[in-house]
PDB file of N, CA and C in Angstrom:
ATOM      1  N   MET A   1       7.390 -35.820   4.217  1.00  0.00           N
ATOM      2  CA  MET A   1       6.888 -34.877   3.195  1.00  0.00           C
ATOM      3  C   MET A   1       7.920 -34.676   2.118  1.00  0.00           C
ATOM      4  N   ASN A   2       7.593 -35.072   0.916  1.00  0.00           N
ATOM      5  CA  ASN A   2       8.528 -34.889  -0.174  1.00  0.00           C
ATOM      6  C   ASN A   2       7.785 -34.026  -1.236  1.00  0.00           C
ATOM      7  N   ASN A   3       8.197 -32.751  -1.355  1.00  0.00           N
ATOM      8  CA  ASN A   3       7.508 -31.867  -2.267  1.00  0.00           C
ATOM      9  C   ASN A   3       8.222 -31.727  -3.594  1.00  0.00           C
ATOM     10  N   ASN A   4       9.313 -32.446  -3.797  1.00  0.00           N
ATOM     11  CA  ASN A   4      10.080 -32.503  -5.086  1.00  0.00           C
ATOM     12  C   ASN A   4      10.612 -31.166  -5.513  1.00  0.00           C
ATOM     13  N   LYS A   5      10.625 -30.165  -4.639  1.00  0.00           N
ATOM     14  CA  LYS A   5      11.259 -28.879  -5.006  1.00  0.00           C
ATOM     15  C   LYS A   5      12.601 -28.825  -4.303  1.00  0.00           C
ATOM     16  N   LYS A   6      13.610 -28.439  -5.054  1.00  0.00           N
ATOM     17  CA  LYS A   6      14.944 -28.318  -4.485  1.00  0.00           C
ATOM     18  C   LYS A   6      15.031 -27.081  -3.591  1.00  0.00           C
ATOM     19  N   ASP A   7      15.808 -27.224  -2.489  1.00  0.00           N
ATOM     20  CA  ASP A   7      15.977 -26.109  -1.588  1.00  0.00           C
ATOM     21  C   ASP A   7      16.962 -25.074  -2.108  1.00  0.00           C
ATOM     22  N   PHE A   8      17.889 -25.518  -2.924  1.00  0.00           N
ATOM     23  CA  PHE A   8      18.900 -24.632  -3.477  1.00  0.00           C
ATOM     24  C   PHE A   8      18.896 -24.744  -5.035  1.00  0.00           C
ATOM     25  N   LEU A   9      18.979 -23.587  -5.700  1.00  0.00           N
ATOM     26  CA  LEU A   9      18.945 -23.548  -7.147  1.00  0.00           C
ATOM     27  C   LEU A   9      20.223 -22.906  -7.705  1.00  0.00           C
ATOM     28  N   ASN A  10      20.563 -23.334  -8.898  1.00  0.00           N
ATOM     29  CA  ASN A  10      21.699 -22.651  -9.551  1.00  0.00           C
ATOM     30  C   ASN A  10      21.173 -21.391 -10.210  1.00  0.00           C
ATOM     31  N   ILE A  11      22.020 -20.613 -10.808  1.00  0.00           N
ATOM     32  CA  ILE A  11      21.622 -19.304 -11.377  1.00  0.00           C
ATOM     33  C   ILE A  11      20.542 -19.473 -12.426  1.00  0.00           C
ATOM     34  N   LEU A  12      20.708 -20.434 -13.320  1.00  0.00           N
ATOM     35  CA  LEU A  12      19.748 -20.607 -14.401  1.00  0.00           C
ATOM     36  C   LEU A  12      18.374 -21.013 -13.876  1.00  0.00           C
ATOM     37  N   GLU A  13      18.394 -21.902 -12.880  1.00  0.00           N
ATOM     38  CA  GLU A  13      17.094 -22.375 -12.301  1.00  0.00           C
ATOM     39  C   GLU A  13      16.396 -21.209 -11.564  1.00  0.00           C
ATOM     40  N   PHE A  14      17.198 -20.440 -10.816  1.00  0.00           N
ATOM     41  CA  PHE A  14      16.616 -19.303 -10.080  1.00  0.00           C
ATOM     42  C   PHE A  14      16.042 -18.270 -11.036  1.00  0.00           C
ATOM     43  N   ALA A  15      16.817 -17.987 -12.079  1.00  0.00           N
ATOM     44  CA  ALA A  15      16.337 -16.984 -13.050  1.00  0.00           C
ATOM     45  C   ALA A  15      15.041 -17.456 -13.742  1.00  0.00           C
ATOM     46  N   ASP A  16      14.964 -18.712 -14.037  1.00  0.00           N
ATOM     47  CA  ASP A  16      13.772 -19.283 -14.635  1.00  0.00           C
ATOM     48  C   ASP A  16      12.609 -19.177 -13.644  1.00  0.00           C
ATOM     49  N   GLU A  17      12.869 -19.479 -12.382  1.00  0.00           N
ATOM     50  CA  GLU A  17      11.840 -19.428 -11.355  1.00  0.00           C
ATOM     51  C   GLU A  17      11.218 -18.072 -11.191  1.00  0.00           C
ATOM     52  N   ILE A  18      11.971 -16.998 -11.341  1.00  0.00           N
ATOM     53  CA  ILE A  18      11.450 -15.622 -11.168  1.00  0.00           C
ATOM     54  C   ILE A  18      11.288 -14.884 -12.503  1.00  0.00           C
ATOM     55  N   SER A  19      11.532 -15.616 -13.586  1.00  0.00           N
ATOM     56  CA  SER A  19      11.342 -15.072 -14.931  1.00  0.00           C
ATOM     57  C   SER A  19      12.174 -13.851 -15.284  1.00  0.00           C
ATOM     58  N   VAL A  20      13.478 -13.954 -15.002  1.00  0.00           N
ATOM     59  CA  VAL A  20      14.427 -12.929 -15.398  1.00  0.00           C
ATOM     60  C   VAL A  20      15.610 -13.579 -16.073  1.00  0.00           C
ATOM     61  N   HIS A  21      16.440 -12.796 -16.717  1.00  0.00           N
ATOM     62  CA  HIS A  21      17.617 -13.300 -17.418  1.00  0.00           C
ATOM     63  C   HIS A  21      18.671 -13.702 -16.356  1.00  0.00           C
ATOM     64  N   PRO A  22      19.420 -14.744 -16.639  1.00  0.00           N
ATOM     65  CA  PRO A  22      20.432 -15.169 -15.694  1.00  0.00           C
ATOM     66  C   PRO A  22      21.471 -14.047 -15.361  1.00  0.00           C
ATOM     67  N   ASN A  23      21.769 -13.203 -16.309  1.00  0.00           N
ATOM     68  CA  ASN A  23      22.687 -12.083 -16.043  1.00  0.00           C
ATOM     69  C   ASN A  23      22.116 -11.133 -14.962  1.00  0.00           C
ATOM     70  N   THR A  24      20.832 -11.030 -14.893  1.00  0.00           N
ATOM     71  CA  THR A  24      20.188 -10.203 -13.865  1.00  0.00           C
ATOM     72  C   THR A  24      20.501 -10.810 -12.482  1.00  0.00           C
ATOM     73  N   ILE A  25      20.407 -12.121 -12.406  1.00  0.00           N
ATOM     74  CA  ILE A  25      20.716 -12.812 -11.142  1.00  0.00           C
ATOM     75  C   ILE A  25      22.182 -12.628 -10.770  1.00  0.00           C
ATOM     76  N   ARG A  26      23.065 -12.726 -11.756  1.00  0.00           N
ATOM     77  CA  ARG A  26      24.478 -12.521 -11.494  1.00  0.00           C
ATOM     78  C   ARG A  26      24.757 -11.095 -10.930  1.00  0.00           C
ATOM     79  N   LYS A  27      24.096 -10.119 -11.524  1.00  0.00           N
ATOM     80  CA  LYS A  27      24.242  -8.735 -11.075  1.00  0.00           C
ATOM     81  C   LYS A  27      23.702  -8.571  -9.667  1.00  0.00           C
ATOM     82  N   MET A  28      22.577  -9.181  -9.381  1.00  0.00           N
ATOM     83  CA  MET A  28      21.985  -9.125  -8.040  1.00  0.00           C
ATOM     84  C   MET A  28      22.882  -9.753  -6.995  1.00  0.00           C
ATOM     85  N   ILE A  29      23.592 -10.799  -7.340  1.00  0.00           N
ATOM     86  CA  ILE A  29      24.554 -11.422  -6.431  1.00  0.00           C
ATOM     87  C   ILE A  29      25.695 -10.480  -6.200  1.00  0.00           C
ATOM     88  N   ARG A  30      26.229  -9.935  -7.295  1.00  0.00           N
ATOM     89  CA  ARG A  30      27.396  -9.011  -7.208  1.00  0.00           C
ATOM     90  C   ARG A  30      27.120  -7.805  -6.353  1.00  0.00           C
ATOM     91  N   ASN A  31      25.901  -7.194  -6.481  1.00  0.00           N
ATOM     92  CA  ASN A  31      25.602  -5.984  -5.728  1.00  0.00           C
ATOM     93  C   ASN A  31      24.981  -6.254  -4.361  1.00  0.00           C
ATOM     94  N   GLY A  32      24.922  -7.540  -3.974  1.00  0.00           N
ATOM     95  CA  GLY A  32      24.449  -7.883  -2.619  1.00  0.00           C
ATOM     96  C   GLY A  32      22.959  -7.922  -2.426  1.00  0.00           C
ATOM     97  N   ARG A  33      22.222  -7.769  -3.487  1.00  0.00           N
ATOM     98  CA  ARG A  33      20.732  -7.806  -3.347  1.00  0.00           C
ATOM     99  C   ARG A  33      20.242  -9.222  -3.139  1.00  0.00           C
ATOM    100  N   LEU A  34      21.049 -10.198  -3.577  1.00  0.00           N
ATOM    101  CA  LEU A  34      20.684 -11.586  -3.532  1.00  0.00           C
ATOM    102  C   LEU A  34      21.804 -12.386  -2.878  1.00  0.00           C
ATOM    103  N   SER A  35      21.450 -13.176  -1.828  1.00  0.00           N
ATOM    104  CA  SER A  35      22.443 -13.997  -1.138  1.00  0.00           C
ATOM    105  C   SER A  35      22.643 -15.313  -1.853  1.00  0.00           C
ATOM    106  N   ALA A  36      23.898 -15.661  -2.082  1.00  0.00           N
ATOM    107  CA  ALA A  36      24.283 -16.881  -2.749  1.00  0.00           C
ATOM    108  C   ALA A  36      25.585 -17.362  -2.240  1.00  0.00           C
ATOM    109  N   PHE A  37      25.914 -18.611  -2.510  1.00  0.00           N
ATOM    110  CA  PHE A  37      27.234 -19.100  -2.107  1.00  0.00           C
ATOM    111  C   PHE A  37      27.850 -19.859  -3.280  1.00  0.00           C
ATOM    112  N   LYS A  38      29.155 -19.798  -3.368  1.00  0.00           N
ATOM    113  CA  LYS A  38      29.914 -20.504  -4.396  1.00  0.00           C
ATOM    114  C   LYS A  38      30.221 -21.882  -3.990  1.00  0.00           C
ATOM    115  N   LEU A  39      30.204 -22.821  -4.929  1.00  0.00           N
ATOM    116  CA  LEU A  39      30.520 -24.199  -4.609  1.00  0.00           C
ATOM    117  C   LEU A  39      32.031 -24.469  -4.609  1.00  0.00           C
ATOM    118  N   GLY A  40      32.803 -23.565  -5.195  1.00  0.00           N
ATOM    119  CA  GLY A  40      34.258 -23.722  -5.198  1.00  0.00           C
ATOM    120  C   GLY A  40      34.887 -22.368  -5.090  1.00  0.00           C
ATOM    121  N   GLY A  41      36.242 -22.356  -5.083  1.00  0.00           N
ATOM    122  CA  GLY A  41      36.953 -21.095  -4.929  1.00  0.00           C
ATOM    123  C   GLY A  41      37.372 -20.437  -6.216  1.00  0.00           C
ATOM    124  N   GLY A  42      37.129 -21.074  -7.347  1.00  0.00           N
ATOM    125  CA  GLY A  42      37.583 -20.536  -8.616  1.00  0.00           C
ATOM    126  C   GLY A  42      36.700 -19.459  -9.204  1.00  0.00           C
ATOM    127  N   LYS A  43      37.235 -18.784 -10.180  1.00  0.00           N
ATOM    128  CA  LYS A  43      36.482 -17.656 -10.801  1.00  0.00           C
ATOM    129  C   LYS A  43      35.181 -18.146 -11.489  1.00  0.00           C
ATOM    130  N   THR A  44      35.223 -19.339 -12.008  1.00  0.00           N
ATOM    131  CA  THR A  44      34.074 -19.864 -12.782  1.00  0.00           C
ATOM    132  C   THR A  44      33.228 -20.862 -11.946  1.00  0.00           C
ATOM    133  N   SER A  45      33.407 -20.860 -10.641  1.00  0.00           N
ATOM    134  CA  SER A  45      32.651 -21.780  -9.790  1.00  0.00           C
ATOM    135  C   SER A  45      31.148 -21.481  -9.774  1.00  0.00           C
ATOM    136  N   SER A  46      30.375 -22.503  -9.660  1.00  0.00           N
ATOM    137  CA  SER A  46      28.915 -22.326  -9.686  1.00  0.00           C
ATOM    138  C   SER A  46      28.390 -21.737  -8.410  1.00  0.00           C
ATOM    139  N   TYR A  47      27.303 -20.980  -8.498  1.00  0.00           N
ATOM    140  CA  TYR A  47      26.617 -20.451  -7.353  1.00  0.00           C
ATOM    141  C   TYR A  47      25.380 -21.284  -7.009  1.00  0.00           C
ATOM    142  N   ARG A  48      25.021 -21.307  -5.758  1.00  0.00           N
ATOM    143  CA  ARG A  48      23.703 -21.884  -5.347  1.00  0.00           C
ATOM    144  C   ARG A  48      23.010 -20.817  -4.536  1.00  0.00           C
ATOM    145  N   ILE A  49      21.733 -20.757  -4.763  1.00  0.00           N
ATOM    146  CA  ILE A  49      20.851 -19.744  -4.153  1.00  0.00           C
ATOM    147  C   ILE A  49      19.677 -20.461  -3.486  1.00  0.00           C
ATOM    148  N   ALA A  50      19.434 -20.126  -2.229  1.00  0.00           N
ATOM    149  CA  ALA A  50      18.329 -20.750  -1.478  1.00  0.00           C
ATOM    150  C   ALA A  50      17.010 -20.343  -2.097  1.00  0.00           C
ATOM    151  N   ARG A  51      16.137 -21.287  -2.235  1.00  0.00           N
ATOM    152  CA  ARG A  51      14.779 -20.991  -2.771  1.00  0.00           C
ATOM    153  C   ARG A  51      14.068 -19.946  -1.898  1.00  0.00           C
ATOM    154  N   SER A  52      14.403 -19.911  -0.628  1.00  0.00           N
ATOM    155  CA  SER A  52      13.776 -18.916   0.281  1.00  0.00           C
ATOM    156  C   SER A  52      14.125 -17.502  -0.073  1.00  0.00           C
ATOM    157  N   GLU A  53      15.196 -17.317  -0.888  1.00  0.00           N
ATOM    158  CA  GLU A  53      15.553 -15.954  -1.329  1.00  0.00           C
ATOM    159  C   GLU A  53      14.439 -15.314  -2.156  1.00  0.00           C
ATOM    160  N   ILE A  54      13.650 -16.107  -2.794  1.00  0.00           N
ATOM    161  CA  ILE A  54      12.529 -15.572  -3.591  1.00  0.00           C
ATOM    162  C   ILE A  54      11.549 -14.811  -2.673  1.00  0.00           C
ATOM    163  N   GLN A  55      11.214 -15.460  -1.590  1.00  0.00           N
ATOM    164  CA  GLN A  55      10.286 -14.823  -0.652  1.00  0.00           C
ATOM    165  C   GLN A  55      10.886 -13.586  -0.032  1.00  0.00           C
ATOM    166  N   ARG A  56      12.229 -13.699   0.389  1.00  0.00           N
ATOM    167  CA  ARG A  56      12.906 -12.553   0.944  1.00  0.00           C
ATOM    168  C   ARG A  56      12.931 -11.355   0.012  1.00  0.00           C
ATOM    169  N   MET A  57      13.208 -11.640  -1.267  1.00  0.00           N
ATOM    170  CA  MET A  57      13.243 -10.536  -2.263  1.00  0.00           C
ATOM    171  C   MET A  57      11.893  -9.901  -2.351  1.00  0.00           C
ATOM    172  N   CYS A  58      10.820 -10.663  -2.339  1.00  0.00           N
ATOM    173  CA  CYS A  58       9.479 -10.101  -2.408  1.00  0.00           C
ATOM    174  C   CYS A  58       9.186  -9.247  -1.241  1.00  0.00           C
ATOM    175  N   MET A  59       9.616  -9.661  -0.067  1.00  0.00           N
ATOM    176  CA  MET A  59       9.375  -8.878   1.152  1.00  0.00           C
ATOM    177  C   MET A  59      10.158  -7.565   1.129  1.00  0.00           C
ATOM    178  N   VAL A  60      11.369  -7.610   0.651  1.00  0.00           N
ATOM    179  CA  VAL A  60      12.199  -6.402   0.526  1.00  0.00           C
ATOM    180  C   VAL A  60      11.562  -5.420  -0.446  1.00  0.00           C
ATOM    181  N   ASP A  61      11.112  -5.933  -1.595  1.00  0.00           N
ATOM    182  CA  ASP A  61      10.454  -5.068  -2.615  1.00  0.00           C
ATOM    183  C   ASP A  61       9.163  -4.488  -2.055  1.00  0.00           C
ATOM    184  N   LEU A  62       8.400  -5.302  -1.304  1.00  0.00           N
ATOM    185  CA  LEU A  62       7.135  -4.837  -0.730  1.00  0.00           C
ATOM    186  C   LEU A  62       7.422  -3.690   0.269  1.00  0.00           C
ATOM    187  N   ASP A  63       8.446  -3.919   1.113  1.00  0.00           N
ATOM    188  CA  ASP A  63       8.846  -2.859   2.065  1.00  0.00           C
ATOM    189  C   ASP A  63       9.186  -1.560   1.356  1.00  0.00           C
ATOM    190  N   LYS A  64       9.915  -1.638   0.243  1.00  0.00           N
ATOM    191  CA  LYS A  64      10.291  -0.431  -0.482  1.00  0.00           C
ATOM    192  C   LYS A  64       9.040   0.276  -1.050  1.00  0.00           C
ATOM    193  N   ILE A  65       8.070  -0.527  -1.546  1.00  0.00           N
ATOM    194  CA  ILE A  65       6.823   0.070  -2.082  1.00  0.00           C
ATOM    195  C   ILE A  65       6.086   0.747  -0.961  1.00  0.00           C
ATOM    196  N   ILE A  66       5.976   0.123   0.192  1.00  0.00           N
ATOM    197  CA  ILE A  66       5.269   0.706   1.295  1.00  0.00           C
ATOM    198  C   ILE A  66       5.935   2.011   1.758  1.00  0.00           C
ATOM    199  N   ASP A  67       7.269   2.001   1.839  1.00  0.00           N
ATOM    200  CA  ASP A  67       7.995   3.209   2.239  1.00  0.00           C
ATOM    201  C   ASP A  67       7.798   4.326   1.193  1.00  0.00           C
ATOM    202  N   GLN A  68       7.845   3.991  -0.053  1.00  0.00           N
ATOM    203  CA  GLN A  68       7.624   4.990  -1.126  1.00  0.00           C
ATOM    204  C   GLN A  68       6.205   5.588  -1.031  1.00  0.00           C
ATOM    205  N   LYS A  69       5.191   4.780  -0.848  1.00  0.00           N
ATOM    206  CA  LYS A  69       3.817   5.246  -0.728  1.00  0.00           C
ATOM    207  C   LYS A  69       3.650   6.141   0.498  1.00  0.00           C
ATOM    208  N   ALA A  70       4.321   5.788   1.607  1.00  0.00           N
ATOM    209  CA  ALA A  70       4.242   6.601   2.827  1.00  0.00           C
ATOM    210  C   ALA A  70       4.877   7.955   2.575  1.00  0.00           C
ATOM    211  N   GLU A  71       6.041   7.969   1.934  1.00  0.00           N
ATOM    212  CA  GLU A  71       6.684   9.244   1.620  1.00  0.00           C
ATOM    213  C   GLU A  71       5.799  10.111   0.718  1.00  0.00           C
ATOM    214  N   GLU A  72       5.188   9.511  -0.274  1.00  0.00           N
ATOM    215  CA  GLU A  72       4.294  10.282  -1.166  1.00  0.00           C
ATOM    216  C   GLU A  72       3.148  10.840  -0.406  1.00  0.00           C
ATOM    217  N   LYS A  73       2.621  10.098   0.506  1.00  0.00           N
ATOM    218  CA  LYS A  73       1.460  10.606   1.305  1.00  0.00           C
ATOM    219  C   LYS A  73       1.897  11.770   2.220  1.00  0.00           C
ATOM    220  N   ILE A  74       3.099  11.655   2.833  1.00  0.00           N
ATOM    221  CA  ILE A  74       3.590  12.724   3.679  1.00  0.00           C
ATOM    222  C   ILE A  74       3.846  13.971   2.864  1.00  0.00           C
ATOM    223  N   LYS A  75       4.447  13.799   1.656  1.00  0.00           N
ATOM    224  CA  LYS A  75       4.730  14.998   0.761  1.00  0.00           C
ATOM    225  C   LYS A  75       3.374  15.595   0.356  1.00  0.00           C
ATOM    226  N   GLY A  76       2.402  14.784   0.079  1.00  0.00           N
ATOM    227  CA  GLY A  76       1.114  15.295  -0.324  1.00  0.00           C
ATOM    228  C   GLY A  76       0.429  16.125   0.800  1.00  0.00           C
ATOM    229  N   LYS A  77       0.578  15.724   2.016  1.00  0.00           N
ATOM    230  CA  LYS A  77      -0.031  16.442   3.167  1.00  0.00           C
ATOM    231  C   LYS A  77       0.747  17.760   3.389  1.00  0.00           C
ATOM    232  N   LYS A  78       2.071  17.748   3.156  1.00  0.00           N
ATOM    233  CA  LYS A  78       2.824  18.995   3.355  1.00  0.00           C
ATOM    234  C   LYS A  78       2.495  20.092   2.308  1.00  0.00           C
ATOM    235  N   ASN A  79       2.091  19.604   1.122  1.00  0.00           N
ATOM    236  CA  ASN A  79       1.729  20.523   0.037  1.00  0.00           C
ATOM    237  C   ASN A  79       0.334  21.068   0.107  1.00  0.00           C
ATOM    238  N   GLU A  80      -0.467  20.552   1.021  1.00  0.00           N
ATOM    239  CA  GLU A  80      -1.871  20.990   1.167  1.00  0.00           C
ATOM    240  C   GLU A  80      -1.962  22.338   1.869  1.00  0.00           C
TER     241      GLU A  80
END
């Protein structure tokens, strides 16, 4: 099976894949929201990000939305 999709993307490719600015991806890596690894040890070394991180990010965001909706529902019942 050859699906022609790379398993690992650089910052620019990943940003393009999820339609955000590359600086947003850099910030997400710095704050730990996105897992990535450096190809070298230098300050300007390139990062690679697994394509599977897209799905993981979506699941994390979905979990946050569900938690927020549950809290709103609980607060609504307390105010009744």
